[in-house]
Amino acid sequence: MSRLYSESELAEIARPFESHALEALRAGDLTRLRALLVDMKNGPAGLDALSGHTLARKAAKLRRDFGEAFALDALARIGAELMHTWTQQFQQGDERGAIADLIAVFREQHGARLDALGEDDDSVTLDMPLCGSGGKLDKAGLPQRHPDWYGGWSDGVGSFCQICKACQKALNAALGTEIWTTEKGADGACRAIFIKRATRGGRLFSDEERKSLVRTRVARAIERLDAGDFDIGELVEGQRKDWKPWHDFGIVLLEYFYAIALEQGGADYLAEVLEQTYAPAFNAGFPRYAAMSDDKLVREIARTWNYHCADFTIIEEDDRFVFRLDPCGSGGRLFRGAVWRDMFHYGDRLAPTMADPHRINFNRSDAPTYCTHCAASNRAQLESALSPATPLFFVIDGHAQTSPGAPCRCYVYKKDARREDADPALFEQIGLVPPKEKNA
């Protein structure tokens, strides 16, 4: 099978959209710049949708298997861990920074619509005509259409919004007073209210900040450009990682769910949780990826890794592309303890590694728990590896990242690759028999 690209062409594919946008800005190519800014605005859309559905389903899975009381208790534990850096920040009197970062979590949810902040002597108010997480699921009617997974709670609050409520309750309990509350509206709307304590009577944000804190940088860049202001370089530089507040909040939240699953039923139960809550959303993309040409596919996976907050290079082999992730933007950064706000470190509460080998941790000892979802997605692809309807577009080498500083590897197989020749180790890592051995 012939090679498609030179090394320089692969480096160009790996370059993030923001780099191309800055190039277009310098060249005065406004048509290209506008198109790139729209692509950048929508960059995390697929990942955002995947995480929203899987998180809601994980909360529901606990309720389905162990009852609502257990699920709410588990969410309370998860909320306490998620909020611990905010608890410390509020206790240290930094209400401005703590509230700004909570707003950032909502701002960076793809598709969210946020109004300018309201502020008076007593509180800061964030009105969201559309919350980008639970609100989107509510607006789509999922709690009514699929109550087992997205609704069905006794208080009428949807599965995803139960997570948000748990975070509020945990923060308020730790601080001994109500600091953060929400009021759900219709069609996915929500109001978040942050009560001042140390700064009561004063103002935390200027008039300009109350407008800018609810707008992503790329949205502000588009607005400036539409107004004829081309001084947008500082809003474009580094844009692919602007999503970190919501991205990192979500990956830490996922790992905490995995920890609860391990407590309840060990590795077998975690495998079941991933099969029922993650695989359906992952598999939904198969027809789209299977229809792509090799060129479109490698570019799409490069986009994905850029907006997954990864740093990577691409090399081409005869039958596949190899993404060297240094680090992977989720599991790799968690393994290195390098996430936003220093929120996560293995060895802390709800942050175990898995001592014993299992198909769900790539049959590794002392495996990082978060990376189990990549074993699950590998199984989803490799169980039917010989079927052309199953794209091998996101196959992870689960033995590449053996220590926190090691890079991970992701393989993207070409459409005409001989699938029976795919690396047998990739199958063996997740407890599958390689195709060649099946047919021997």
Protein backbone atom coordinates (compact mmCIF):
# COMPACT_ATOMS: atom_id res chain seq x y z
CA MET A 1 0.00 0.00 0.00
CA SER A 2 1.51 3.34 -1.04
CA ARG A 3 2.23 6.23 1.28
CA LEU A 4 0.00 9.28 0.90
CA TYR A 5 2.01 12.03 2.57
CA SER A 6 5.48 13.37 3.15
CA GLU A 7 6.67 14.16 6.68
CA SER A 8 6.07 17.86 6.11
CA GLU A 9 2.53 17.22 4.89
CA LEU A 10 1.76 15.18 8.01
CA ALA A 11 3.15 17.97 10.19
CA GLU A 12 0.83 20.35 8.35
CA ILE A 13 -2.17 18.08 9.05
CA ALA A 14 -1.24 18.01 12.75
CA ARG A 15 -1.10 21.80 12.96
CA PRO A 16 -4.09 23.16 14.92
CA PHE A 17 -6.70 25.36 13.26
CA GLU A 18 -5.55 28.34 15.32
CA SER A 19 -2.15 28.20 13.61
CA HIS A 20 -3.76 28.29 10.18
CA ALA A 21 -6.09 31.09 11.35
CA LEU A 22 -3.18 33.24 12.49
CA GLU A 23 -1.52 32.62 9.13
CA ALA A 24 -4.66 33.74 7.31
CA LEU A 25 -4.93 36.80 9.57
CA ARG A 26 -1.36 37.84 8.77
CA ALA A 27 -2.00 37.33 5.06
CA GLY A 28 -5.23 39.34 5.17
CA ASP A 29 -7.19 36.36 3.80
CA LEU A 30 -10.48 37.14 5.53
CA THR A 31 -12.54 34.52 3.71
CA ARG A 32 -10.24 31.73 4.89
CA LEU A 33 -9.96 33.27 8.34
CA ARG A 34 -13.73 33.37 8.82
CA ALA A 35 -14.10 29.76 7.72
CA LEU A 36 -11.35 28.68 10.11
CA LEU A 37 -12.90 30.57 13.03
CA VAL A 38 -16.19 28.74 12.46
CA ASP A 39 -14.29 25.43 12.40
CA MET A 40 -12.54 26.43 15.62
CA LYS A 41 -15.84 27.35 17.27
CA ASN A 42 -17.15 23.87 16.48
CA GLY A 43 -13.88 22.06 17.14
CA PRO A 44 -14.90 20.27 20.35
CA ALA A 45 -18.49 19.54 19.29
CA GLY A 46 -18.12 15.77 18.83
CA LEU A 47 -16.13 15.22 21.99
CA ASP A 48 -18.55 17.41 23.93
CA ALA A 49 -21.55 15.36 22.76
CA LEU A 50 -19.81 12.08 23.58
CA SER A 51 -18.93 13.18 27.11
CA GLY A 52 -22.39 14.65 27.82
CA HIS A 53 -24.19 11.43 26.95
CA THR A 54 -21.74 9.11 28.69
CA LEU A 55 -21.75 11.14 31.92
CA ALA A 56 -25.55 11.23 32.12
CA ARG A 57 -25.72 7.49 31.46
CA LYS A 58 -23.16 6.74 34.17
CA ALA A 59 -25.23 8.51 36.82
CA ALA A 60 -28.29 6.59 35.62
CA LYS A 61 -26.41 3.29 35.59
CA LEU A 62 -25.68 3.61 39.31
CA ARG A 63 -29.35 4.33 40.00
CA ARG A 64 -30.53 1.43 37.85
CA ASP A 65 -28.16 -1.06 39.50
CA PHE A 66 -28.11 0.05 43.13
CA GLY A 67 -31.11 2.32 43.65
CA GLU A 68 -31.55 6.07 43.80
CA ALA A 69 -30.34 6.48 47.39
CA PHE A 70 -27.04 4.81 46.59
CA ALA A 71 -26.64 6.79 43.37
CA LEU A 72 -27.22 10.10 45.14
CA ASP A 73 -24.73 9.16 47.83
CA ALA A 74 -22.16 8.26 45.17
CA LEU A 75 -22.79 11.56 43.38
CA ALA A 76 -22.29 13.38 46.70
CA ARG A 77 -18.87 11.73 47.07
CA ILE A 78 -17.98 12.58 43.49
CA GLY A 79 -19.17 16.16 43.92
CA ALA A 80 -17.05 16.62 47.05
CA GLU A 81 -13.91 15.56 45.18
CA LEU A 82 -14.71 17.67 42.12
CA MET A 83 -15.26 20.74 44.27
CA HIS A 84 -12.29 20.39 46.61
CA THR A 85 -10.11 22.97 44.81
CA TRP A 86 -13.03 25.41 44.72
CA THR A 87 -13.66 24.80 48.41
CA GLN A 88 -10.07 25.75 49.15
CA GLN A 89 -10.29 28.82 46.92
CA PHE A 90 -13.44 30.11 48.59
CA GLN A 91 -11.98 29.41 52.03
CA GLN A 92 -8.94 31.48 51.09
CA GLY A 93 -11.24 34.39 50.20
CA ASP A 94 -10.72 34.28 46.41
CA GLU A 95 -14.38 34.50 45.48
CA ARG A 96 -13.63 36.29 42.23
CA GLY A 97 -11.32 33.55 40.94
CA ALA A 98 -13.53 30.71 42.15
CA ILE A 99 -16.70 32.10 40.58
CA ALA A 100 -14.89 32.98 37.33
CA ASP A 101 -13.66 29.40 36.99
CA LEU A 102 -17.11 27.94 37.67
CA ILE A 103 -18.47 30.21 34.95
CA ALA A 104 -15.69 28.98 32.62
CA VAL A 105 -16.92 25.40 33.00
CA PHE A 106 -20.32 26.43 31.61
CA ARG A 107 -18.92 28.86 29.04
CA GLU A 108 -16.78 26.21 27.34
CA GLN A 109 -19.63 23.70 26.87
CA HIS A 110 -20.24 23.55 23.13
CA GLY A 111 -23.51 25.12 22.06
CA ALA A 112 -24.16 26.83 25.40
CA ARG A 113 -25.82 30.24 25.33
CA LEU A 114 -24.92 32.52 28.23
CA ASP A 115 -26.18 36.02 28.98
CA ALA A 116 -23.93 38.70 30.45
CA LEU A 117 -23.44 38.28 34.18
CA GLY A 118 -25.63 40.12 36.63
CA GLU A 119 -24.05 41.37 39.84
CA ASP A 120 -25.24 43.22 42.92
CA ASP A 121 -23.95 43.63 46.45
CA ASP A 122 -24.95 40.11 47.45
CA SER A 123 -24.51 37.83 44.45
CA VAL A 124 -23.37 37.12 40.90
CA THR A 125 -26.01 35.70 38.56
CA LEU A 126 -25.38 33.68 35.42
CA ASP A 127 -28.42 33.27 33.17
CA MET A 128 -28.08 30.53 30.55
CA PRO A 129 -30.83 30.52 27.91
CA LEU A 130 -29.30 27.14 27.08
CA CYS A 131 -27.06 25.21 29.46
CA GLY A 132 -24.53 23.35 27.30
CA SER A 133 -24.65 20.09 29.25
CA GLY A 134 -27.80 18.99 31.09
CA GLY A 135 -29.80 21.75 29.43
CA LYS A 136 -29.04 20.45 25.94
CA LEU A 137 -30.12 16.95 26.93
CA ASP A 138 -33.32 18.34 28.46
CA LYS A 139 -34.07 20.46 25.38
CA ALA A 140 -33.66 17.35 23.21
CA GLY A 141 -36.33 15.66 25.33
CA LEU A 142 -34.05 12.79 26.36
CA PRO A 143 -35.28 12.54 29.98
CA GLN A 144 -38.80 11.92 28.63
CA ARG A 145 -37.82 9.72 25.66
CA HIS A 146 -35.26 7.61 27.55
CA PRO A 147 -36.05 7.96 31.26
CA ASP A 148 -34.01 4.89 32.24
CA TRP A 149 -30.85 6.71 31.16
CA TYR A 150 -31.57 10.43 31.17
CA GLY A 151 -34.49 10.92 33.58
CA GLY A 152 -36.53 8.89 36.01
CA TRP A 153 -35.29 10.51 39.24
CA SER A 154 -37.82 11.08 42.00
CA ASP A 155 -37.29 14.85 42.09
CA GLY A 156 -37.83 15.21 38.34
CA VAL A 157 -34.26 16.41 37.73
CA GLY A 158 -32.49 14.75 34.77
CA SER A 159 -29.47 12.47 35.10
CA PHE A 160 -26.87 15.01 34.03
CA CYS A 161 -28.34 17.76 36.17
CA GLN A 162 -28.12 15.44 39.20
CA ILE A 163 -24.34 15.68 38.81
CA CYS A 164 -24.46 19.47 38.82
CA LYS A 165 -26.76 19.49 41.86
CA ALA A 166 -24.35 17.16 43.67
CA CYS A 167 -21.47 19.57 43.02
CA GLN A 168 -23.49 22.50 44.38
CA LYS A 169 -24.49 20.61 47.51
CA ALA A 170 -20.94 19.43 48.13
CA LEU A 171 -19.49 22.92 47.81
CA ASN A 172 -22.17 24.45 50.00
CA ALA A 173 -21.76 21.75 52.65
CA ALA A 174 -17.98 22.18 52.75
CA LEU A 175 -18.33 25.96 53.15
CA GLY A 176 -21.19 25.73 55.67
CA THR A 177 -23.49 28.04 53.73
CA GLU A 178 -25.22 28.31 50.36
CA ILE A 179 -22.72 29.70 47.86
CA TRP A 180 -23.89 28.17 44.57
CA THR A 181 -27.46 27.32 43.62
CA THR A 182 -29.30 26.83 40.33
CA GLU A 183 -32.85 27.32 39.09
CA LYS A 184 -33.88 25.28 36.06
CA GLY A 185 -35.97 26.95 33.40
CA ALA A 186 -37.79 25.70 30.28
CA ASP A 187 -36.17 24.32 27.13
CA GLY A 188 -32.74 23.77 28.67
CA ALA A 189 -32.46 27.17 30.35
CA CYS A 190 -30.87 27.52 33.78
CA ARG A 191 -29.88 30.27 36.21
CA ALA A 192 -26.82 29.89 38.42
CA ILE A 193 -26.55 32.15 41.49
CA PHE A 194 -23.28 32.63 43.36
CA ILE A 195 -23.67 34.21 46.80
CA LYS A 196 -20.91 36.53 47.99
CA ARG A 197 -19.51 36.13 51.46
CA ALA A 198 -16.05 37.66 51.83
CA THR A 199 -16.79 40.31 49.19
CA ARG A 200 -20.38 41.15 50.06
CA GLY A 201 -21.14 44.79 49.33
CA GLY A 202 -18.43 45.09 46.69
CA ARG A 203 -18.10 44.31 42.99
CA LEU A 204 -16.10 41.34 41.74
CA PHE A 205 -16.29 42.06 38.01
CA SER A 206 -16.18 45.16 35.85
CA ASP A 207 -18.87 45.93 33.29
CA GLU A 208 -16.59 44.61 30.54
CA GLU A 209 -15.76 41.44 32.48
CA ARG A 210 -19.41 40.67 33.06
CA LYS A 211 -19.77 40.54 29.27
CA SER A 212 -16.48 38.84 28.35
CA LEU A 213 -16.50 36.08 31.00
CA VAL A 214 -19.49 34.43 29.34
CA ARG A 215 -18.03 34.49 25.81
CA THR A 216 -15.47 32.06 24.41
CA ARG A 217 -12.40 33.67 22.91
CA VAL A 218 -13.26 32.46 19.41
CA ALA A 219 -16.77 33.92 19.70
CA ARG A 220 -15.24 37.24 20.72
CA ALA A 221 -12.81 37.01 17.79
CA ILE A 222 -15.68 36.47 15.35
CA GLU A 223 -17.58 39.44 16.82
CA ARG A 224 -14.54 41.70 16.47
CA LEU A 225 -13.95 40.61 12.90
CA ASP A 226 -17.60 41.23 12.02
CA ALA A 227 -17.21 44.73 13.46
CA GLY A 228 -14.19 45.39 11.22
CA ASP A 229 -11.62 45.01 14.01
CA PHE A 230 -8.77 42.77 12.83
CA ASP A 231 -6.82 42.92 16.10
CA ILE A 232 -7.80 39.39 17.12
CA GLY A 233 -4.46 37.58 17.34
CA GLU A 234 -4.51 37.29 21.14
CA LEU A 235 -8.00 35.73 20.96
CA VAL A 236 -6.87 33.08 18.46
CA GLU A 237 -3.50 32.03 19.84
CA GLY A 238 -3.77 28.77 21.80
CA GLN A 239 -7.53 28.51 21.17
CA ARG A 240 -7.64 24.70 20.92
CA LYS A 241 -6.97 24.44 24.65
CA ASP A 242 -9.54 27.05 25.69
CA TRP A 243 -11.90 24.12 26.19
CA LYS A 244 -9.84 22.85 29.13
CA PRO A 245 -12.18 24.05 31.90
CA TRP A 246 -15.07 21.88 30.70
CA HIS A 247 -12.89 19.17 29.11
CA ASP A 248 -10.84 18.61 32.26
CA PHE A 249 -13.82 18.87 34.58
CA GLY A 250 -15.42 16.14 32.49
CA ILE A 251 -12.47 13.74 32.38
CA VAL A 252 -11.97 13.97 36.14
CA LEU A 253 -15.68 13.36 36.62
CA LEU A 254 -15.48 10.28 34.38
CA GLU A 255 -12.59 8.85 36.34
CA TYR A 256 -14.50 9.27 39.59
CA PHE A 257 -17.39 7.28 38.12
CA TYR A 258 -14.93 4.53 37.17
CA ALA A 259 -13.62 4.50 40.75
CA ILE A 260 -17.15 4.05 42.13
CA ALA A 261 -17.72 1.20 39.67
CA LEU A 262 -14.54 -0.53 40.83
CA GLU A 263 -15.63 -0.22 44.45
CA GLN A 264 -19.00 -1.76 43.69
CA GLY A 265 -18.11 -4.63 41.41
CA GLY A 266 -14.45 -4.62 40.50
CA ALA A 267 -13.07 -4.70 36.99
CA ASP A 268 -15.89 -6.86 35.61
CA TYR A 269 -18.49 -4.33 36.69
CA LEU A 270 -16.44 -1.42 35.33
CA ALA A 271 -16.31 -3.25 31.98
CA GLU A 272 -20.10 -3.58 32.09
CA VAL A 273 -20.51 0.12 32.93
CA LEU A 274 -18.35 1.13 29.96
CA GLU A 275 -20.12 -1.28 27.63
CA GLN A 276 -23.52 0.18 28.53
CA THR A 277 -22.71 3.87 29.02
CA TYR A 278 -19.75 4.67 26.77
CA ALA A 279 -19.76 2.17 23.90
CA PRO A 280 -23.24 3.12 22.56
CA ALA A 281 -22.25 6.76 22.14
CA PHE A 282 -18.84 5.81 20.69
CA ASN A 283 -20.31 3.29 18.25
CA ALA A 284 -22.83 5.84 16.99
CA GLY A 285 -20.02 7.47 15.02
CA PHE A 286 -19.07 4.32 13.08
CA PRO A 287 -21.09 5.03 9.90
CA ARG A 288 -19.66 8.54 9.65
CA TYR A 289 -16.04 7.46 10.06
CA ALA A 290 -16.43 4.38 7.84
CA ALA A 291 -17.60 6.63 4.98
CA MET A 292 -14.52 8.87 5.13
CA SER A 293 -11.58 8.66 2.75
CA ASP A 294 -8.14 8.10 4.27
CA ASP A 295 -7.35 11.77 3.77
CA LYS A 296 -10.51 12.99 5.44
CA LEU A 297 -10.17 10.49 8.27
CA VAL A 298 -6.60 11.36 9.25
CA ARG A 299 -7.51 15.05 9.22
CA GLU A 300 -10.60 14.42 11.35
CA ILE A 301 -8.63 12.46 13.96
CA ALA A 302 -6.01 15.24 14.00
CA ARG A 303 -8.83 17.70 14.72
CA THR A 304 -10.08 15.44 17.48
CA TRP A 305 -6.72 15.18 19.20
CA ASN A 306 -6.12 18.91 18.92
CA TYR A 307 -9.40 19.61 20.69
CA HIS A 308 -8.78 16.77 23.12
CA CYS A 309 -6.00 19.04 24.46
CA ALA A 310 -3.28 16.63 23.27
CA ASP A 311 0.18 17.40 21.90
CA PHE A 312 1.03 15.03 19.08
CA THR A 313 2.88 14.17 15.90
CA ILE A 314 1.76 11.89 13.05
CA ILE A 315 3.77 9.33 11.11
CA GLU A 316 2.51 7.18 8.25
CA GLU A 317 3.02 3.44 7.87
CA ASP A 318 1.95 1.30 4.93
CA ASP A 319 -1.40 0.35 6.45
CA ARG A 320 -2.05 3.00 9.08
CA PHE A 321 -1.29 6.39 10.58
CA VAL A 322 0.34 6.58 14.00
CA PHE A 323 -0.49 9.47 16.32
CA ARG A 324 2.22 9.81 18.97
CA LEU A 325 0.47 11.55 21.88
CA ASP A 326 2.83 13.31 24.26
CA PRO A 327 0.68 13.52 26.24
CA CYS A 328 -2.78 12.29 25.37
CA GLY A 329 -5.09 15.13 26.31
CA SER A 330 -7.17 13.12 28.77
CA GLY A 331 -5.71 9.91 30.21
CA GLY A 332 -2.14 11.03 29.63
CA ARG A 333 -2.59 14.37 31.36
CA LEU A 334 -4.44 12.68 34.23
CA PHE A 335 -1.58 10.19 34.56
CA ARG A 336 0.88 13.09 34.74
CA GLY A 337 -1.25 15.05 37.21
CA ALA A 338 -1.35 17.91 34.72
CA VAL A 339 -5.02 18.90 34.50
CA TRP A 340 -6.70 22.26 34.95
CA ARG A 341 -6.67 23.70 38.48
CA ASP A 342 -4.49 20.78 39.65
CA MET A 343 -7.78 18.92 40.14
CA PHE A 344 -6.55 15.34 39.98
CA HIS A 345 -3.74 13.05 41.09
CA TYR A 346 -3.74 9.27 41.12
CA GLY A 347 -3.59 8.02 44.69
CA ASP A 348 -6.02 10.64 45.99
CA ARG A 349 -9.61 9.80 46.96
CA LEU A 350 -11.57 8.21 44.09
CA ALA A 351 -8.37 8.11 42.02
CA PRO A 352 -7.08 4.51 42.14
CA THR A 353 -4.91 2.64 39.73
CA MET A 354 -5.90 -0.96 38.97
CA ALA A 355 -3.47 -3.42 40.53
CA ASP A 356 -4.45 -6.52 38.57
CA PRO A 357 -4.53 -7.14 34.80
CA HIS A 358 -7.95 -7.31 33.14
CA ARG A 359 -9.23 -6.97 29.59
CA ILE A 360 -10.68 -3.58 30.52
CA ASN A 361 -7.27 -2.15 31.50
CA PHE A 362 -5.31 -3.61 28.57
CA ASN A 363 -4.21 -6.52 30.78
CA ARG A 364 -1.78 -4.29 32.64
CA SER A 365 -0.77 -4.19 36.29
CA ASP A 366 -1.07 -0.87 38.14
CA ALA A 367 -3.01 0.52 35.20
CA PRO A 368 -4.45 4.07 35.28
CA THR A 369 -8.19 3.68 35.76
CA TYR A 370 -9.26 6.42 33.35
CA CYS A 371 -7.64 4.66 30.39
CA THR A 372 -10.11 1.80 30.67
CA HIS A 373 -12.51 3.62 28.38
CA CYS A 374 -9.92 3.33 25.60
CA ALA A 375 -9.82 -0.43 26.16
CA ALA A 376 -13.61 -0.35 25.81
CA SER A 377 -13.46 1.61 22.56
CA ASN A 378 -10.76 -0.76 21.25
CA ARG A 379 -13.07 -3.69 21.96
CA ALA A 380 -15.91 -1.92 20.17
CA GLN A 381 -13.73 -1.66 17.05
CA LEU A 382 -11.67 -4.86 17.16
CA GLU A 383 -14.48 -7.28 18.05
CA SER A 384 -15.66 -6.82 14.45
CA ALA A 385 -12.32 -5.82 12.93
CA LEU A 386 -12.87 -7.78 9.73
CA SER A 387 -16.12 -5.98 8.91
CA PRO A 388 -15.71 -3.01 6.54
CA ALA A 389 -18.64 -1.40 8.35
CA THR A 390 -16.42 -1.07 11.44
CA PRO A 391 -13.85 1.70 11.01
CA LEU A 392 -10.54 1.14 12.80
CA PHE A 393 -10.15 4.85 13.36
CA PHE A 394 -9.21 5.24 17.00
CA VAL A 395 -7.25 2.16 18.11
CA ILE A 396 -5.08 2.76 21.17
CA ASP A 397 -1.89 0.88 22.03
CA GLY A 398 -2.64 0.30 25.70
CA HIS A 399 0.94 -0.74 26.49
CA ALA A 400 2.59 2.39 25.10
CA GLN A 401 2.07 4.69 28.10
CA THR A 402 3.76 2.60 30.77
CA SER A 403 4.70 5.52 33.02
CA PRO A 404 3.36 9.05 33.53
CA GLY A 405 6.00 10.61 31.28
CA ALA A 406 5.63 8.15 28.41
CA PRO A 407 3.68 9.05 25.26
CA CYS A 408 0.64 7.08 24.14
CA ARG A 409 -0.08 5.90 20.59
CA CYS A 410 -3.27 5.96 18.55
CA TYR A 411 -3.57 4.03 15.27
CA VAL A 412 -5.82 5.04 12.38
CA TYR A 413 -6.03 2.23 9.84
CA LYS A 414 -6.41 2.96 6.15
CA LYS A 415 -9.55 1.81 4.35
CA ASP A 416 -7.72 -0.76 2.20
CA ALA A 417 -5.54 -2.12 5.01
CA ARG A 418 -5.53 -5.92 5.34
CA ARG A 419 -7.37 -6.11 8.63
CA GLU A 420 -6.33 -9.70 9.29
CA ASP A 421 -2.76 -8.37 9.43
CA ALA A 422 -3.51 -5.84 12.18
CA ASP A 423 -1.08 -6.06 15.09
CA PRO A 424 -2.08 -9.16 17.12
CA ALA A 425 -0.91 -7.47 20.35
CA LEU A 426 -3.72 -4.94 20.07
CA PHE A 427 -6.28 -7.74 20.25
CA GLU A 428 -4.48 -9.62 23.00
CA GLN A 429 -4.29 -6.51 25.20
CA ILE A 430 -8.10 -6.48 25.47
CA GLY A 431 -8.71 -10.24 25.66
CA LEU A 432 -9.61 -10.87 22.02
CA VAL A 433 -8.24 -13.51 19.68
CA PRO A 434 -6.39 -11.95 16.71
CA PRO A 435 -8.06 -12.63 13.33
CA LYS A 436 -5.12 -14.68 12.06
CA GLU A 437 -5.39 -17.05 15.00
CA LYS A 438 -9.16 -17.33 14.57
CA ASN A 439 -8.71 -18.39 10.96
CA ALA A 440 -5.75 -20.69 11.55
